[in-house]
C-alpha cells in the first residue's frame, strides 16, 4: 500500500477555503524534512524550498512550499489518534513474519514540551519490535500516572499473536497481562514495589525452593558473562513454574512461571549485585526469558537515544495543540525508514546522510514510496 493509501484517511483539519496546499503534500514534505534532520517548522519550510525539485519527483506541490506557520497549523491540528492509526497500518505492512517477535513497551517524556506547568509535558508510550528494529506504534499518555490506560489502547492496535511482550514494572497490571494473553501473545513483566505483596511472595518462593527443593531450583537457569573496559558483568536468569503457594497467581491470566534475574558487576575490584523479579506466561525456557529481558532495554538504547541525539527530542519546545505528539510520530516514521535501509551504518549516520544526499534520501523511500505517491 502506498503512502497516499495509508495516510489518505486523515481528515483535513482546514476549511475548504484554506486548503491551498494539499494535505498529503504537507505531510510528505514534513516527513522527508524530518528524515533529513529538520527539528522545527522553519527547518521544514527551508528544506522544502531548497529541495522542491526533488520533492516534485514524488508529489505535485502545485502551489510550491507553504509558509512555516501554515505547516505548523496543519500538523498541529491533525487528529493524533487518526495519525497514529495511519502509522500503525503502515508499519504493519513492513513487519517481517520470520521468527518470534518481541515487542517492548516503554514510556518517554519530552521534558521541554510542557506549557507553564511541567506536569503537562508530553509523555508518550512506544512499542518497539526487536525482530524488525521498527517502532510499531506511539500513544500519548496524560502523564506517567495514566500510562497503563494508554498501553491498553496501544495493545488494541497491535498484532500480538505469537509475540513476546515485555514491559517495565509500571505496566505490570492484570488487565495488561489479560489483554496480551487474549490477543495470542505472551508476556514478561517486571515486578517491583508497586505490587509489593506479589514481589515478597515471589522472593519467598525462590528462597523456599532453594532451601527445600534445590534440585528444581538448580535446573532451569541461564548464565551469561560480559567483559570489557575493566568491567565484568554476570547475569543469571532462574525460572521456576508457578505454584498455588503464590496467593492470587490465578488472577494473572496465562501466568506460568516466575523469574529471578541476578546481575553482578565487577568494576575496579568493586562488586555490585542487583536482583529483579518477573512474571511470565512463557513456559520454562530461561535463555529465551534472559534474552527478552536484556533486549527490552534496547528501546532506550536504540530508539530513544537516536531521537535525543539526532533530533534533540528532549529539548523540543514545540507544544501547540497536537504538535508535539504528531511531530514525534514523524520522527519515528523517519527512524523506521532508516532502519529498513540495508546500508551498514548507524541510525544517526543514515539520517545525517539523508540530510545532504538526494540519492540516499530517495533510497530510504524506495520500496515504500515509488514514483508519484
Protein backbone atom coordinates (compact mmCIF):
# COMPACT_ATOMS: atom_id res chain seq x y z
CA UNK A 1 0.00 0.00 0.00
CA UNK A 2 1.39 3.46 -0.94
CA UNK A 3 1.99 6.50 1.23
CA UNK A 4 -1.23 8.03 -0.10
CA UNK A 5 -3.33 4.94 0.62
CA UNK A 6 -2.09 4.69 4.21
CA UNK A 7 -2.44 8.36 5.11
CA UNK A 8 -5.38 9.40 2.93
CA UNK A 9 -7.86 8.52 5.70
CA UNK A 10 -6.64 11.57 7.61
CA UNK A 11 -9.26 14.28 7.81
CA UNK A 12 -8.01 17.68 6.68
CA UNK A 13 -8.49 19.99 9.70
CA UNK A 14 -8.79 23.09 7.47
CA UNK A 15 -11.90 24.57 5.91
CA UNK A 16 -12.07 24.12 2.12
CA UNK A 17 -11.27 27.76 1.51
CA UNK A 18 -7.96 27.34 3.34
CA UNK A 19 -6.83 24.18 1.52
CA UNK A 20 -4.49 25.87 -0.98
CA UNK A 21 -1.74 23.36 -0.23
CA UNK A 22 -2.62 19.66 -0.48
CA UNK A 23 -2.64 17.90 2.91
CA UNK A 24 -0.63 14.91 1.67
CA UNK A 25 1.91 17.27 0.11
CA UNK A 26 2.39 18.90 3.51
CA UNK A 27 2.71 15.53 5.23
CA UNK A 28 5.20 14.26 2.67
CA UNK A 29 7.21 17.47 2.99
CA UNK A 30 7.23 17.25 6.79
CA UNK A 31 8.10 13.54 6.83
CA UNK A 32 11.02 13.81 4.43
CA UNK A 33 12.29 17.02 6.06
CA UNK A 34 12.30 15.37 9.48
CA UNK A 35 14.04 12.37 7.90
CA UNK A 36 16.70 14.85 6.76
CA UNK A 37 17.22 16.30 10.24
CA UNK A 38 14.60 19.08 10.41
CA UNK A 39 13.76 19.90 14.04
CA UNK A 40 11.08 22.59 13.68
CA UNK A 41 8.63 24.30 11.35
CA UNK A 42 11.12 26.75 9.79
CA UNK A 43 13.54 23.86 9.15
CA UNK A 44 10.76 22.02 7.30
CA UNK A 45 9.93 25.06 5.17
CA UNK A 46 13.60 25.74 4.40
CA UNK A 47 14.13 22.10 3.40
CA UNK A 48 11.12 22.29 1.08
CA UNK A 49 12.31 25.44 -0.66
CA UNK A 50 15.80 24.00 -1.10
CA UNK A 51 14.60 20.57 -2.27
CA UNK A 52 11.45 21.45 -4.21
CA UNK A 53 12.67 19.80 -7.43
CA UNK A 54 13.42 16.60 -5.51
CA UNK A 55 10.03 16.69 -3.75
CA UNK A 56 8.24 17.05 -7.10
CA UNK A 57 9.59 13.67 -8.17
CA UNK A 58 7.04 12.23 -5.73
CA UNK A 59 4.29 14.83 -5.22
CA UNK A 60 2.89 17.71 -7.29
CA UNK A 61 3.36 20.64 -4.89
CA UNK A 62 1.21 22.66 -7.28
CA UNK A 63 1.46 25.82 -5.19
CA UNK A 64 5.03 25.37 -4.06
CA UNK A 65 6.06 25.18 -0.42
CA UNK A 66 3.71 26.52 2.28
CA UNK A 67 4.85 29.02 4.90
CA UNK A 68 6.22 27.63 8.14
CA UNK A 69 3.17 28.93 10.03
CA UNK A 70 0.89 27.02 7.65
CA UNK A 71 2.90 23.83 8.17
CA UNK A 72 2.71 24.33 11.94
CA UNK A 73 -1.06 24.96 11.91
CA UNK A 74 -1.83 21.90 9.78
CA UNK A 75 0.42 19.39 11.59
CA UNK A 76 -0.71 20.71 14.99
CA UNK A 77 -4.40 20.39 14.11
CA UNK A 78 -4.25 16.82 12.77
CA UNK A 79 -6.20 14.29 14.82
CA UNK A 80 -3.40 12.46 16.65
CA UNK A 81 -5.41 9.24 17.06
CA UNK A 82 -6.08 9.07 13.30
CA UNK A 83 -2.44 9.89 12.60
CA UNK A 84 -1.31 7.09 14.92
CA UNK A 85 -3.65 4.62 13.21
CA UNK A 86 -2.18 5.53 9.81
CA UNK A 87 1.32 5.00 11.22
CA UNK A 88 0.42 1.61 12.74
CA UNK A 89 -1.19 0.41 9.49
CA UNK A 90 1.92 1.47 7.55
CA UNK A 91 4.28 -0.30 9.97
CA UNK A 92 2.19 -3.49 9.99
CA UNK A 93 2.91 -3.86 6.27
CA UNK A 94 6.65 -3.63 6.93
CA UNK A 95 6.87 -6.12 9.79
CA UNK A 96 8.77 -9.29 8.96
CA UNK A 97 6.93 -12.52 9.73
CA UNK A 98 10.11 -14.56 10.27
CA UNK A 99 10.80 -15.84 13.77
CA UNK A 100 9.16 -14.95 17.05
CA UNK A 101 8.69 -11.25 17.59
CA UNK A 102 9.49 -9.42 20.82
CA UNK A 103 7.60 -6.20 21.44
CA UNK A 104 8.99 -3.90 24.12
CA UNK A 105 6.64 -1.31 25.66
CA UNK A 106 8.32 1.75 27.14
CA UNK A 107 7.40 5.30 28.12
CA UNK A 108 9.23 8.56 27.37
CA UNK A 109 8.59 12.14 28.49
CA UNK A 110 9.54 15.06 26.23
CA UNK A 111 10.87 17.15 29.06
CA UNK A 112 10.56 20.60 27.46
CA UNK A 113 7.17 20.09 25.77
CA UNK A 114 5.25 21.48 28.76
CA UNK A 115 3.17 24.69 28.82
CA UNK A 116 3.67 26.53 32.09
CA UNK A 117 3.22 23.54 34.38
CA UNK A 118 5.92 20.89 33.89
CA UNK A 119 3.36 18.15 34.55
CA UNK A 120 1.81 18.94 31.14
CA UNK A 121 4.88 17.72 29.21
CA UNK A 122 4.08 15.10 26.58
CA UNK A 123 4.51 11.57 27.87
CA UNK A 124 4.32 9.00 25.10
CA UNK A 125 4.35 5.21 25.03
CA UNK A 126 6.37 3.43 22.36
CA UNK A 127 6.06 -0.15 21.14
CA UNK A 128 9.30 -1.38 19.57
CA UNK A 129 9.88 -4.62 17.67
CA UNK A 130 13.20 -6.30 18.43
CA UNK A 131 12.97 -8.61 15.41
CA UNK A 132 12.38 -5.83 12.89
CA UNK A 133 14.10 -2.98 14.70
CA UNK A 134 10.98 -0.92 13.99
CA UNK A 135 8.88 1.38 16.14
CA UNK A 136 5.43 -0.20 15.83
CA UNK A 137 3.29 2.43 17.50
CA UNK A 138 3.24 5.52 19.66
CA UNK A 139 0.46 6.51 22.05
CA UNK A 140 0.08 9.68 24.07
CA UNK A 141 -0.39 9.39 27.83
CA UNK A 142 -1.61 12.10 30.19
CA UNK A 143 1.43 11.75 32.41
CA UNK A 144 3.09 8.66 33.82
CA UNK A 145 0.18 8.08 36.20
CA UNK A 146 -2.11 7.35 33.24
CA UNK A 147 0.39 5.28 31.27
CA UNK A 148 -1.43 1.96 31.85
CA UNK A 149 -4.62 3.14 30.11
CA UNK A 150 -2.58 4.26 27.09
CA UNK A 151 -0.77 0.91 26.96
CA UNK A 152 -4.12 -0.91 26.84
CA UNK A 153 -5.20 1.29 23.91
CA UNK A 154 -1.92 0.63 22.13
CA UNK A 155 -2.22 -3.14 22.60
CA UNK A 156 -5.64 -2.95 20.91
CA UNK A 157 -3.93 -1.58 17.77
CA UNK A 158 -1.11 -4.12 17.60
CA UNK A 159 -0.98 -7.63 16.14
CA UNK A 160 0.27 -9.68 19.11
CA UNK A 161 -0.31 -13.28 18.05
CA UNK A 162 2.85 -15.27 18.77
CA UNK A 163 4.72 -12.22 20.11
CA UNK A 164 6.51 -11.83 23.44
CA UNK A 165 5.58 -8.51 25.06
CA UNK A 166 7.92 -7.02 27.66
CA UNK A 167 7.21 -4.06 29.93
CA UNK A 168 8.65 -2.39 33.00
CA UNK A 169 7.08 -2.53 36.46
CA UNK A 170 4.77 0.43 35.87
CA UNK A 171 2.82 -1.64 33.34
CA UNK A 172 2.74 -4.89 35.30
CA UNK A 173 -1.04 -4.97 35.62
CA UNK A 174 -3.62 -7.76 35.43
CA UNK A 175 -5.59 -6.00 32.68
CA UNK A 176 -2.46 -5.65 30.56
CA UNK A 177 -1.48 -9.30 31.08
CA UNK A 178 -5.02 -10.35 30.14
CA UNK A 179 -5.05 -8.19 27.01
CA UNK A 180 -1.75 -9.67 25.80
CA UNK A 181 -2.88 -13.23 26.55
CA UNK A 182 -6.31 -12.72 24.94
CA UNK A 183 -4.64 -11.49 21.73
CA UNK A 184 -2.45 -14.58 21.47
CA UNK A 185 0.77 -13.12 22.84
CA UNK A 186 2.99 -13.94 25.80
CA UNK A 187 4.30 -11.54 28.42
CA UNK A 188 7.37 -10.97 30.57
CA UNK A 189 6.55 -8.31 33.17
CA UNK A 190 8.81 -6.83 35.84
CA UNK A 191 7.56 -6.94 39.45
CA UNK A 192 8.62 -4.23 41.88
CA UNK A 193 7.19 -2.46 44.92
CA UNK A 194 4.04 -1.33 43.12
CA UNK A 195 2.99 -5.00 43.66
CA UNK A 196 4.73 -5.41 46.99
CA UNK A 197 2.73 -8.45 48.17
CA UNK A 198 3.35 -10.30 44.91
CA UNK A 199 7.02 -9.29 44.96
CA UNK A 200 7.53 -10.58 48.51
CA UNK A 201 5.76 -13.85 47.74
CA UNK A 202 7.96 -14.43 44.67
CA UNK A 203 11.09 -13.71 46.73
CA UNK A 204 9.95 -16.11 49.45
CA UNK A 205 9.05 -18.75 46.86
CA UNK A 206 12.56 -18.68 45.38
CA UNK A 207 14.05 -18.87 48.88
CA UNK A 208 11.90 -21.89 49.79
CA UNK A 209 12.68 -23.66 46.51
CA UNK A 210 16.41 -23.08 47.02
CA UNK A 211 16.23 -24.37 50.59
CA UNK A 212 13.80 -27.30 50.27
CA UNK A 213 13.75 -28.24 46.56
CA UNK A 214 17.24 -27.46 45.36
CA UNK A 215 17.05 -29.99 42.52
CA UNK A 216 14.19 -27.98 40.96
CA UNK A 217 15.72 -24.61 41.83
CA UNK A 218 19.01 -25.52 40.13
CA UNK A 219 17.51 -26.99 36.93
CA UNK A 220 16.17 -24.07 34.93
CA UNK A 221 18.68 -21.26 34.76
CA UNK A 222 20.80 -19.50 32.18
CA UNK A 223 24.00 -17.57 32.87
CA UNK A 224 25.98 -15.24 30.65
CA UNK A 225 29.08 -13.12 31.22
CA UNK A 226 30.05 -9.86 29.51
CA UNK A 227 33.54 -8.45 29.95
CA UNK A 228 35.31 -5.39 28.63
CA UNK A 229 36.70 -1.96 29.53
CA UNK A 230 37.62 -3.10 33.02
CA UNK A 231 34.13 -4.38 33.74
CA UNK A 232 32.79 -7.90 34.22
CA UNK A 233 29.03 -8.42 34.35
CA UNK A 234 27.46 -11.79 35.16
CA UNK A 235 23.72 -12.25 34.60
CA UNK A 236 21.91 -15.29 35.95
CA UNK A 237 18.30 -15.90 34.98
CA UNK A 238 16.47 -18.50 37.06
CA UNK A 239 12.94 -19.58 36.12
CA UNK A 240 10.50 -21.70 38.16
CA UNK A 241 6.98 -22.91 37.39
CA UNK A 242 4.23 -21.02 39.20
CA UNK A 243 2.72 -22.55 42.32
CA UNK A 244 -0.52 -22.11 44.32
CA UNK A 245 1.87 -21.13 47.10
CA UNK A 246 1.85 -17.66 45.47
CA UNK A 247 -1.50 -16.26 46.51
CA UNK A 248 -3.66 -14.82 43.74
CA UNK A 249 -1.49 -16.13 40.90
CA UNK A 250 -4.62 -17.29 39.01
CA UNK A 251 -5.73 -13.65 38.69
CA UNK A 252 -2.85 -13.12 36.25
CA UNK A 253 -4.22 -14.66 33.07
CA UNK A 254 -1.88 -17.16 31.43
CA UNK A 255 0.76 -16.91 34.17
CA UNK A 256 3.07 -19.95 34.05
CA UNK A 257 6.44 -19.01 35.54
CA UNK A 258 8.27 -16.62 37.86
CA UNK A 259 11.79 -15.38 37.20
CA UNK A 260 14.71 -14.15 39.28
CA UNK A 261 17.46 -12.23 37.47
CA UNK A 262 20.71 -11.55 39.33
CA UNK A 263 23.20 -9.08 37.85
CA UNK A 264 26.66 -8.89 39.36
CA UNK A 265 29.01 -6.15 38.15
CA UNK A 266 32.71 -6.04 38.98
CA UNK A 267 34.40 -2.71 38.26
CA UNK A 268 37.80 -1.73 39.64
CA UNK A 269 37.66 -4.52 42.21
CA UNK A 270 34.27 -3.30 43.46
CA UNK A 271 31.28 -5.65 43.20
CA UNK A 272 27.65 -4.59 42.90
CA UNK A 273 24.74 -7.06 42.83
CA UNK A 274 21.18 -6.31 41.74
CA UNK A 275 18.24 -8.73 41.80
CA UNK A 276 14.97 -8.27 39.89
CA UNK A 277 11.86 -10.41 39.63
CA UNK A 278 9.44 -11.06 36.78
CA UNK A 279 6.26 -12.97 35.95
CA UNK A 280 5.66 -14.63 32.58
CA UNK A 281 3.14 -16.59 30.58
CA UNK A 282 6.04 -18.43 28.92
CA UNK A 283 6.95 -21.99 29.90
CA UNK A 284 10.32 -22.98 31.34
CA UNK A 285 12.92 -21.63 28.88
CA UNK A 286 15.39 -19.47 30.84
CA UNK A 287 17.59 -18.49 27.88
CA UNK A 288 14.58 -17.14 25.98
CA UNK A 289 13.49 -15.21 29.08
CA UNK A 290 17.01 -13.85 29.67
CA UNK A 291 17.22 -12.67 26.05
CA UNK A 292 13.81 -10.97 26.26
CA UNK A 293 14.69 -9.12 29.47
CA UNK A 294 18.07 -7.97 28.14
CA UNK A 295 16.64 -6.83 24.83
CA UNK A 296 13.85 -4.85 26.49
CA UNK A 297 16.33 -2.10 27.26
CA UNK A 298 17.21 -1.78 23.58
CA UNK A 299 14.19 0.55 23.31
CA UNK A 300 16.01 3.15 25.39
CA UNK A 301 19.45 2.40 23.99
CA UNK A 302 18.41 2.42 20.33
CA UNK A 303 15.18 4.31 19.64
CA UNK A 304 15.16 6.85 22.47
CA UNK A 305 18.89 7.56 22.23
CA UNK A 306 18.77 8.23 18.48
CA UNK A 307 15.75 10.52 18.93
CA UNK A 308 17.56 12.52 21.60
CA UNK A 309 20.90 12.72 19.78
CA UNK A 310 19.60 13.29 16.23
CA UNK A 311 16.57 15.48 16.89
CA UNK A 312 17.31 16.78 20.43
CA UNK A 313 13.80 15.50 21.13
CA UNK A 314 14.02 16.09 24.88
CA UNK A 315 14.83 19.77 24.23
CA UNK A 316 11.98 20.37 21.76
CA UNK A 317 9.73 23.28 22.80
CA UNK A 318 7.07 22.51 20.19
CA UNK A 319 3.81 22.10 22.13
CA UNK A 320 0.91 23.75 20.27
CA UNK A 321 -2.26 21.57 20.19
CA UNK A 322 -1.20 18.09 18.91
CA UNK A 323 2.11 19.38 17.53
CA UNK A 324 4.47 17.61 19.94
CA UNK A 325 2.73 14.27 19.51
CA UNK A 326 2.41 14.46 15.72
CA UNK A 327 5.97 15.65 15.18
CA UNK A 328 7.20 12.86 17.47
CA UNK A 329 5.37 10.39 15.23
CA UNK A 330 7.07 11.84 12.14
CA UNK A 331 10.44 11.31 13.82
CA UNK A 332 9.55 7.66 14.37
CA UNK A 333 8.48 7.42 10.71
CA UNK A 334 11.98 8.63 9.79
CA UNK A 335 13.70 6.18 12.15
CA UNK A 336 11.78 3.26 10.66
CA UNK A 337 12.77 4.18 7.11
CA UNK A 338 16.40 4.47 8.21
CA UNK A 339 16.20 1.11 9.97
CA UNK A 340 14.91 -0.59 6.82
CA UNK A 341 17.78 0.64 4.64
CA UNK A 342 20.40 -2.15 4.30
CA UNK A 343 23.46 0.13 4.50
CA UNK A 344 25.76 -0.82 7.37
CA UNK A 345 25.70 2.47 9.21
CA UNK A 346 24.31 3.82 12.45
CA UNK A 347 20.79 5.24 12.53
CA UNK A 348 22.24 8.68 13.19
CA UNK A 349 24.66 8.23 10.28
CA UNK A 350 21.86 7.28 7.88
CA UNK A 351 19.70 10.25 8.87
CA UNK A 352 22.68 12.59 8.57
CA UNK A 353 23.39 11.28 5.07
CA UNK A 354 19.74 11.84 4.11
CA UNK A 355 20.25 15.50 5.01
CA UNK A 356 22.67 16.18 2.16
CA UNK A 357 22.24 13.33 -0.34
CA UNK A 358 19.15 13.40 -2.58
CA UNK A 359 20.11 9.97 -3.89
CA UNK A 360 20.31 8.41 -0.42
CA UNK A 361 17.12 10.13 0.72
CA UNK A 362 15.36 8.57 -2.26
CA UNK A 363 16.86 5.19 -1.38
CA UNK A 364 15.27 5.42 2.08
CA UNK A 365 11.90 5.79 0.39
CA UNK A 366 12.33 3.10 -2.28
CA UNK A 367 10.18 0.06 -1.65
CA UNK A 368 7.68 2.07 0.36
CA UNK A 369 7.24 5.06 -1.95
CA UNK A 370 7.91 4.83 -5.67
CA UNK A 371 7.12 7.42 -8.32
CA UNK A 372 4.22 9.78 -7.61
CA UNK A 373 2.68 9.00 -4.23
